[in-house]
């Protein structure tokens, strides 16, 4: 297992200011702000931090956030997905009031990365929905913003593409909702008692609510490659596939938001279900923003037997399998 630090996405205001739009009173009904499929091509990494002190608490009184996080982070699998392009979409009708472009797409952990002071949001857009409500979209790709200041948008209007700009370590959209300048949790808008964690209607449309399952410990990446890998290589994407000539077969999985006490189990099986390699880690000592696990087998002297190879991944929590993933490749 290879540890990785929690990623940051601190939000600040953008630079250009325009006149607000006038729309119907009341909070907007929010549609999903990314052109991706939750559970397949994107996942929610972080929620709003509702703890008023130095601790952390998401809207379910869980740990899927970090101190003073002001929005939700919707993460795509890797930079290969980012290069292919994932559209950021307006969550509701409104008017573009502020935007910024021109910030470089580079992880804050990269050697020589420039300072992002006063540009933590990176390239972004703010949309006014009327009655004091606005949404802010951060970490977009440089040169991708496709709207102009003052432009009216509908729910689903493309605003630009997911990037790696500003104060971030991985490609994702950070979405902040505000009312009268105050951060609002779109999953639990009543912020008067942040420790209550009682069910609330939320601001999402009915269709989006059905997709927004709260799922700590889900798999973001999974696949086969021909060598051991690092977290940075996984984040970059474009890993080599396994072929009959490969000297190694490695099955890898990266899960996000693992909980204290979670145990990860991984097994690689060859044709006929023969176990080739298996690993089971120790219980997680603390919450993990992301965790990569892999298991591998060197090429037999006689070569790889033809047939189906399967890797099975499980997260054990409180004596039960909390999440799992199965992947296959055929040689």
Protein backbone atom coordinates (compact mmCIF):
# COMPACT_ATOMS: atom_id res chain seq x y z
CA UNK A 1 0.00 0.00 0.00
CA UNK A 2 1.22 3.48 -0.86
CA UNK A 3 -0.04 6.38 1.27
CA UNK A 4 -1.01 9.74 -0.21
CA UNK A 5 -1.88 13.01 1.41
CA UNK A 6 -5.35 14.56 1.44
CA UNK A 7 -5.73 17.08 -1.36
CA UNK A 8 -6.66 20.69 -0.82
CA UNK A 9 -9.03 22.94 -2.72
CA UNK A 10 -9.25 26.23 -0.83
CA UNK A 11 -11.61 28.70 -2.47
CA UNK A 12 -11.20 32.43 -2.77
CA UNK A 13 -13.13 35.01 -4.74
CA UNK A 14 -12.42 35.57 -8.42
CA UNK A 15 -11.29 38.87 -9.82
CA UNK A 16 -13.88 40.19 -12.23
CA UNK A 17 -17.18 41.54 -10.94
CA UNK A 18 -20.36 42.08 -12.91
CA UNK A 19 -23.98 42.98 -12.19
CA UNK A 20 -26.20 40.26 -10.62
CA UNK A 21 -29.05 38.58 -12.43
CA UNK A 22 -32.66 38.68 -11.24
CA UNK A 23 -34.34 35.30 -10.92
CA UNK A 24 -37.15 33.74 -8.94
CA UNK A 25 -36.80 33.95 -5.18
CA UNK A 26 -35.62 30.96 -3.20
CA UNK A 27 -32.71 28.54 -3.46
CA UNK A 28 -31.86 27.01 -6.85
CA UNK A 29 -32.49 23.34 -7.59
CA UNK A 30 -29.03 22.05 -8.49
CA UNK A 31 -28.31 19.64 -11.32
CA UNK A 32 -25.08 17.63 -11.45
CA UNK A 33 -22.22 20.00 -12.39
CA UNK A 34 -19.98 17.60 -14.31
CA UNK A 35 -20.42 15.63 -17.53
CA UNK A 36 -19.49 12.33 -15.87
CA UNK A 37 -21.22 9.36 -14.26
CA UNK A 38 -20.93 9.03 -10.49
CA UNK A 39 -19.65 5.61 -9.55
CA UNK A 40 -18.09 4.99 -12.97
CA UNK A 41 -16.20 8.00 -14.35
CA UNK A 42 -16.14 10.27 -11.28
CA UNK A 43 -16.58 10.18 -7.51
CA UNK A 44 -17.17 12.65 -4.68
CA UNK A 45 -13.90 13.01 -2.78
CA UNK A 46 -14.75 15.68 -0.19
CA UNK A 47 -17.87 17.34 1.25
CA UNK A 48 -18.35 20.65 3.09
CA UNK A 49 -16.67 20.73 6.50
CA UNK A 50 -19.47 21.54 8.95
CA UNK A 51 -17.32 21.50 12.10
CA UNK A 52 -16.92 25.08 13.37
CA UNK A 53 -13.65 24.28 15.14
CA UNK A 54 -10.38 22.61 14.14
CA UNK A 55 -12.04 19.21 13.70
CA UNK A 56 -13.81 17.91 10.60
CA UNK A 57 -17.37 16.70 10.02
CA UNK A 58 -19.27 16.16 6.79
CA UNK A 59 -23.07 16.33 6.50
CA UNK A 60 -23.36 12.70 7.66
CA UNK A 61 -21.08 13.35 10.66
CA UNK A 62 -18.43 11.41 8.74
CA UNK A 63 -14.83 12.15 7.82
CA UNK A 64 -15.09 12.80 4.06
CA UNK A 65 -13.81 16.37 4.25
CA UNK A 66 -10.96 18.39 5.69
CA UNK A 67 -10.72 21.42 7.94
CA UNK A 68 -12.54 24.49 6.58
CA UNK A 69 -13.40 22.88 3.25
CA UNK A 70 -16.11 25.05 1.72
CA UNK A 71 -17.59 22.93 -1.05
CA UNK A 72 -17.76 19.50 -2.63
CA UNK A 73 -14.94 17.98 -4.69
CA UNK A 74 -16.00 15.81 -7.61
CA UNK A 75 -12.96 13.91 -8.78
CA UNK A 76 -12.20 12.30 -12.13
CA UNK A 77 -9.93 9.21 -12.27
CA UNK A 78 -6.64 10.66 -13.51
CA UNK A 79 -4.90 13.12 -15.83
CA UNK A 80 -5.59 10.89 -18.83
CA UNK A 81 -9.31 11.54 -18.25
CA UNK A 82 -8.56 15.24 -17.81
CA UNK A 83 -6.70 15.36 -21.13
CA UNK A 84 -9.66 13.75 -22.88
CA UNK A 85 -11.82 16.56 -21.47
CA UNK A 86 -14.63 16.51 -18.90
CA UNK A 87 -17.08 19.41 -19.12
CA UNK A 88 -18.00 21.53 -16.10
CA UNK A 89 -21.73 22.38 -16.26
CA UNK A 90 -23.80 25.16 -14.71
CA UNK A 91 -25.73 23.61 -11.83
CA UNK A 92 -28.71 25.98 -12.29
CA UNK A 93 -29.88 28.88 -14.43
CA UNK A 94 -28.26 32.23 -13.74
CA UNK A 95 -25.79 34.79 -14.99
CA UNK A 96 -22.00 34.67 -15.02
CA UNK A 97 -20.73 37.41 -12.71
CA UNK A 98 -17.07 36.56 -12.17
CA UNK A 99 -14.44 34.45 -13.88
CA UNK A 100 -10.70 33.87 -14.10
CA UNK A 101 -8.57 32.12 -16.71
CA UNK A 102 -4.83 31.84 -17.34
CA UNK A 103 -3.73 29.92 -14.22
CA UNK A 104 -1.40 27.01 -15.02
CA UNK A 105 -2.60 23.42 -14.73
CA UNK A 106 -0.06 21.94 -12.31
CA UNK A 107 -0.24 20.08 -9.01
CA UNK A 108 0.82 22.11 -5.99
CA UNK A 109 3.06 19.13 -5.10
CA UNK A 110 4.95 19.29 -8.41
CA UNK A 111 8.58 20.40 -8.33
CA UNK A 112 8.76 24.07 -9.23
CA UNK A 113 5.01 24.63 -9.00
CA UNK A 114 4.28 28.39 -8.86
CA UNK A 115 2.58 30.02 -5.90
CA UNK A 116 -1.21 30.05 -6.00
CA UNK A 117 -1.59 32.76 -3.34
CA UNK A 118 -4.81 34.69 -4.01
CA UNK A 119 -5.54 32.27 -6.86
CA UNK A 120 -6.46 29.18 -4.83
CA UNK A 121 -9.58 28.59 -6.90
CA UNK A 122 -7.46 28.53 -10.05
CA UNK A 123 -9.41 29.07 -13.23
CA UNK A 124 -13.07 29.38 -12.30
CA UNK A 125 -16.51 30.80 -12.80
CA UNK A 126 -19.16 32.27 -10.47
CA UNK A 127 -22.83 32.11 -11.48
CA UNK A 128 -25.47 34.29 -9.78
CA UNK A 129 -28.86 32.58 -9.41
CA UNK A 130 -30.72 35.50 -7.88
CA UNK A 131 -32.02 36.17 -4.37
CA UNK A 132 -28.46 36.10 -3.02
CA UNK A 133 -27.64 32.58 -4.26
CA UNK A 134 -24.51 31.80 -6.27
CA UNK A 135 -22.37 28.83 -7.26
CA UNK A 136 -18.61 28.86 -7.78
CA UNK A 137 -16.69 26.37 -9.97
CA UNK A 138 -12.94 25.97 -9.34
CA UNK A 139 -9.78 24.28 -10.71
CA UNK A 140 -10.84 24.42 -14.34
CA UNK A 141 -8.40 23.88 -17.22
CA UNK A 142 -6.50 26.90 -18.48
CA UNK A 143 -7.96 28.21 -21.71
CA UNK A 144 -11.11 26.07 -21.43
CA UNK A 145 -13.61 28.58 -20.00
CA UNK A 146 -16.34 28.94 -22.60
CA UNK A 147 -18.62 31.61 -21.08
CA UNK A 148 -18.27 35.36 -20.70
CA UNK A 149 -18.94 37.75 -17.87
CA UNK A 150 -22.59 38.79 -17.93
CA UNK A 151 -23.67 35.79 -19.99
CA UNK A 152 -26.99 34.11 -19.06
CA UNK A 153 -26.71 30.33 -18.63
CA UNK A 154 -29.18 27.48 -18.16
CA UNK A 155 -28.75 24.41 -16.01
CA UNK A 156 -26.35 22.17 -17.91
CA UNK A 157 -24.66 24.94 -19.90
CA UNK A 158 -20.95 24.04 -20.38
CA UNK A 159 -18.72 26.48 -18.50
CA UNK A 160 -15.36 24.90 -19.34
CA UNK A 161 -13.35 21.76 -18.57
CA UNK A 162 -11.99 20.11 -15.43
CA UNK A 163 -8.37 21.07 -14.87
CA UNK A 164 -5.56 21.11 -12.33
CA UNK A 165 -5.30 24.83 -11.65
CA UNK A 166 -5.06 26.54 -8.29
CA UNK A 167 -4.59 24.87 -4.92
CA UNK A 168 -5.08 21.23 -5.85
CA UNK A 169 -3.19 17.96 -6.28
CA UNK A 170 -5.55 16.07 -8.60
CA UNK A 171 -8.01 16.90 -11.41
CA UNK A 172 -11.45 17.69 -10.04
CA UNK A 173 -14.22 20.25 -9.79
CA UNK A 174 -14.65 22.11 -6.52
CA UNK A 175 -18.22 23.44 -6.29
CA UNK A 176 -19.16 25.98 -3.63
CA UNK A 177 -22.72 27.16 -2.97
CA UNK A 178 -23.26 30.47 -1.19
CA UNK A 179 -26.24 32.49 -0.02
CA UNK A 180 -25.75 36.13 0.87
CA UNK A 181 -22.00 35.48 0.86
CA UNK A 182 -22.18 32.58 3.34
CA UNK A 183 -21.21 29.01 2.41
CA UNK A 184 -24.17 26.60 2.21
CA UNK A 185 -23.86 22.82 2.22
CA UNK A 186 -25.96 21.65 -0.76
CA UNK A 187 -26.56 18.30 0.96
CA UNK A 188 -27.79 19.89 4.20
CA UNK A 189 -28.52 23.61 3.69
CA UNK A 190 -29.59 24.37 7.25
CA UNK A 191 -26.23 25.17 8.83
CA UNK A 192 -27.65 26.44 12.14
CA UNK A 193 -26.72 23.21 13.97
CA UNK A 194 -23.76 21.71 12.11
CA UNK A 195 -23.42 18.79 14.53
CA UNK A 196 -27.02 17.58 14.17
CA UNK A 197 -26.46 15.47 11.04
CA UNK A 198 -30.19 15.02 10.63
CA UNK A 199 -31.71 14.28 7.24
CA UNK A 200 -32.40 17.35 5.12
CA UNK A 201 -33.95 17.82 1.70
CA UNK A 202 -30.82 19.34 0.19
CA UNK A 203 -30.62 21.55 -2.88
CA UNK A 204 -30.19 18.86 -5.54
CA UNK A 205 -32.86 17.94 -8.06
CA UNK A 206 -34.69 14.66 -7.46
CA UNK A 207 -32.75 12.98 -10.28
CA UNK A 208 -29.38 14.00 -8.86
CA UNK A 209 -30.33 12.95 -5.31
CA UNK A 210 -30.80 9.39 -6.54
CA UNK A 211 -27.19 9.39 -7.79
CA UNK A 212 -25.63 10.99 -4.71
CA UNK A 213 -25.10 7.89 -2.59
CA UNK A 214 -22.83 8.52 0.39
CA UNK A 215 -20.12 5.89 -0.11
CA UNK A 216 -16.85 6.06 1.85
CA UNK A 217 -14.18 3.71 0.56
CA UNK A 218 -15.13 3.51 -3.13
CA UNK A 219 -12.66 2.54 -5.86
CA UNK A 220 -11.59 5.37 -8.15
CA UNK A 221 -9.08 3.50 -10.34
CA UNK A 222 -8.56 -0.17 -11.16
CA UNK A 223 -6.67 -2.01 -13.83
CA UNK A 224 -3.78 -4.22 -14.92
CA UNK A 225 -0.31 -3.10 -15.91
CA UNK A 226 3.09 -4.70 -16.49
CA UNK A 227 5.15 -3.23 -13.64
CA UNK A 228 4.91 -1.91 -10.10
CA UNK A 229 3.67 1.67 -10.06
CA UNK A 230 3.71 4.78 -7.91
CA UNK A 231 0.80 7.04 -7.00
CA UNK A 232 2.19 9.72 -9.33
CA UNK A 233 2.26 7.29 -12.26
CA UNK A 234 -1.29 6.25 -11.51
CA UNK A 235 -2.39 9.89 -11.36
CA UNK A 236 -0.70 10.61 -14.70
CA UNK A 237 -2.64 7.80 -16.38
CA UNK A 238 -1.69 5.98 -19.59
CA UNK A 239 -0.26 2.91 -17.84
CA UNK A 240 0.93 0.12 -20.10
CA UNK A 241 -1.41 -2.86 -20.49
CA UNK A 242 -0.36 -6.44 -19.79
CA UNK A 243 0.62 -8.51 -22.84
CA UNK A 244 1.80 -12.10 -23.25
CA UNK A 245 5.38 -10.76 -23.33
CA UNK A 246 5.09 -8.83 -20.05
CA UNK A 247 7.58 -9.80 -17.35
CA UNK A 248 5.06 -8.95 -14.63
CA UNK A 249 1.31 -8.76 -14.19
CA UNK A 250 0.20 -6.18 -11.64
CA UNK A 251 -3.40 -5.54 -10.60
CA UNK A 252 -3.87 -2.13 -8.98
CA UNK A 253 -6.71 -0.37 -7.20
CA UNK A 254 -7.00 3.12 -5.73
CA UNK A 255 -9.77 3.78 -3.23
CA UNK A 256 -10.78 7.14 -1.79
CA UNK A 257 -12.10 8.11 1.64
CA UNK A 258 -11.19 4.95 3.53
CA UNK A 259 -12.23 5.01 7.18
CA UNK A 260 -10.24 4.25 10.33
CA UNK A 261 -10.33 0.48 10.87
CA UNK A 262 -10.93 -0.37 7.19
CA UNK A 263 -8.92 -3.37 5.94
CA UNK A 264 -8.09 -3.84 2.26
CA UNK A 265 -7.87 -7.30 0.68
CA UNK A 266 -6.72 -8.01 -2.87
CA UNK A 267 -6.28 -11.25 -4.80
CA UNK A 268 -5.04 -12.02 -8.31
CA UNK A 269 -6.32 -15.21 -9.95
CA UNK A 270 -5.24 -16.91 -13.15
CA UNK A 271 -7.10 -19.12 -15.63
CA UNK A 272 -9.31 -21.62 -13.89
CA UNK A 273 -9.48 -19.49 -10.75
CA UNK A 274 -5.97 -20.42 -9.57
CA UNK A 275 -4.76 -17.94 -6.93
CA UNK A 276 -1.53 -16.26 -8.08
CA UNK A 277 -1.07 -13.65 -5.36
CA UNK A 278 -3.01 -12.33 -2.40
CA UNK A 279 -2.56 -9.56 0.14
CA UNK A 280 -4.49 -8.25 3.12
CA UNK A 281 -3.37 -5.10 4.87
CA UNK A 282 -3.59 -3.93 8.44
CA UNK A 283 -6.59 -1.88 9.62
CA UNK A 284 -6.29 1.76 8.63
CA UNK A 285 -5.05 3.78 11.63
CA UNK A 286 -6.80 6.93 10.39
CA UNK A 287 -8.99 8.31 7.61
CA UNK A 288 -7.30 8.12 4.22
CA UNK A 289 -8.12 10.54 1.41
CA UNK A 290 -6.76 7.96 -1.03
CA UNK A 291 -4.92 4.67 -0.84
CA UNK A 292 -3.39 2.60 -3.63
CA UNK A 293 -2.98 -1.16 -3.33
CA UNK A 294 -1.51 -3.55 -5.86
CA UNK A 295 -0.59 -7.19 -6.11
CA UNK A 296 1.56 -8.82 -8.77
CA UNK A 297 3.03 -11.97 -10.21
CA UNK A 298 6.22 -12.47 -12.24
CA UNK A 299 5.98 -14.19 -15.60
CA UNK A 300 6.38 -17.95 -15.28
CA UNK A 301 9.37 -19.51 -17.04
CA UNK A 302 6.96 -21.22 -19.42
CA UNK A 303 5.11 -17.98 -20.15
CA UNK A 304 1.65 -16.77 -19.21
CA UNK A 305 -1.05 -19.42 -19.60
CA UNK A 306 -3.76 -18.32 -21.97
CA UNK A 307 -7.10 -17.48 -20.46
CA UNK A 308 -8.92 -15.13 -18.10
CA UNK A 309 -7.12 -13.31 -15.27
CA UNK A 310 -9.20 -11.79 -12.48
CA UNK A 311 -8.37 -9.37 -9.67
CA UNK A 312 -10.77 -9.01 -6.74
CA UNK A 313 -10.62 -6.10 -4.30
CA UNK A 314 -12.51 -5.81 -1.03
CA UNK A 315 -12.74 -3.27 1.76
CA UNK A 316 -13.63 -4.91 5.08
CA UNK A 317 -15.40 -2.70 7.63
CA UNK A 318 -16.85 -3.90 10.95
CA UNK A 319 -16.50 -7.52 9.86
CA UNK A 320 -18.35 -7.04 6.56
CA UNK A 321 -17.40 -6.21 2.98
CA UNK A 322 -18.20 -2.49 2.66
CA UNK A 323 -17.15 -2.16 -0.97
CA UNK A 324 -15.63 -4.36 -3.65
CA UNK A 325 -14.48 -4.34 -7.26
CA UNK A 326 -13.67 -7.12 -9.73
CA UNK A 327 -11.64 -6.55 -12.90
CA UNK A 328 -10.64 -8.94 -15.68
CA UNK A 329 -8.12 -9.22 -18.51
CA UNK A 330 -7.58 -12.00 -21.01
CA UNK A 331 -4.25 -13.18 -22.44
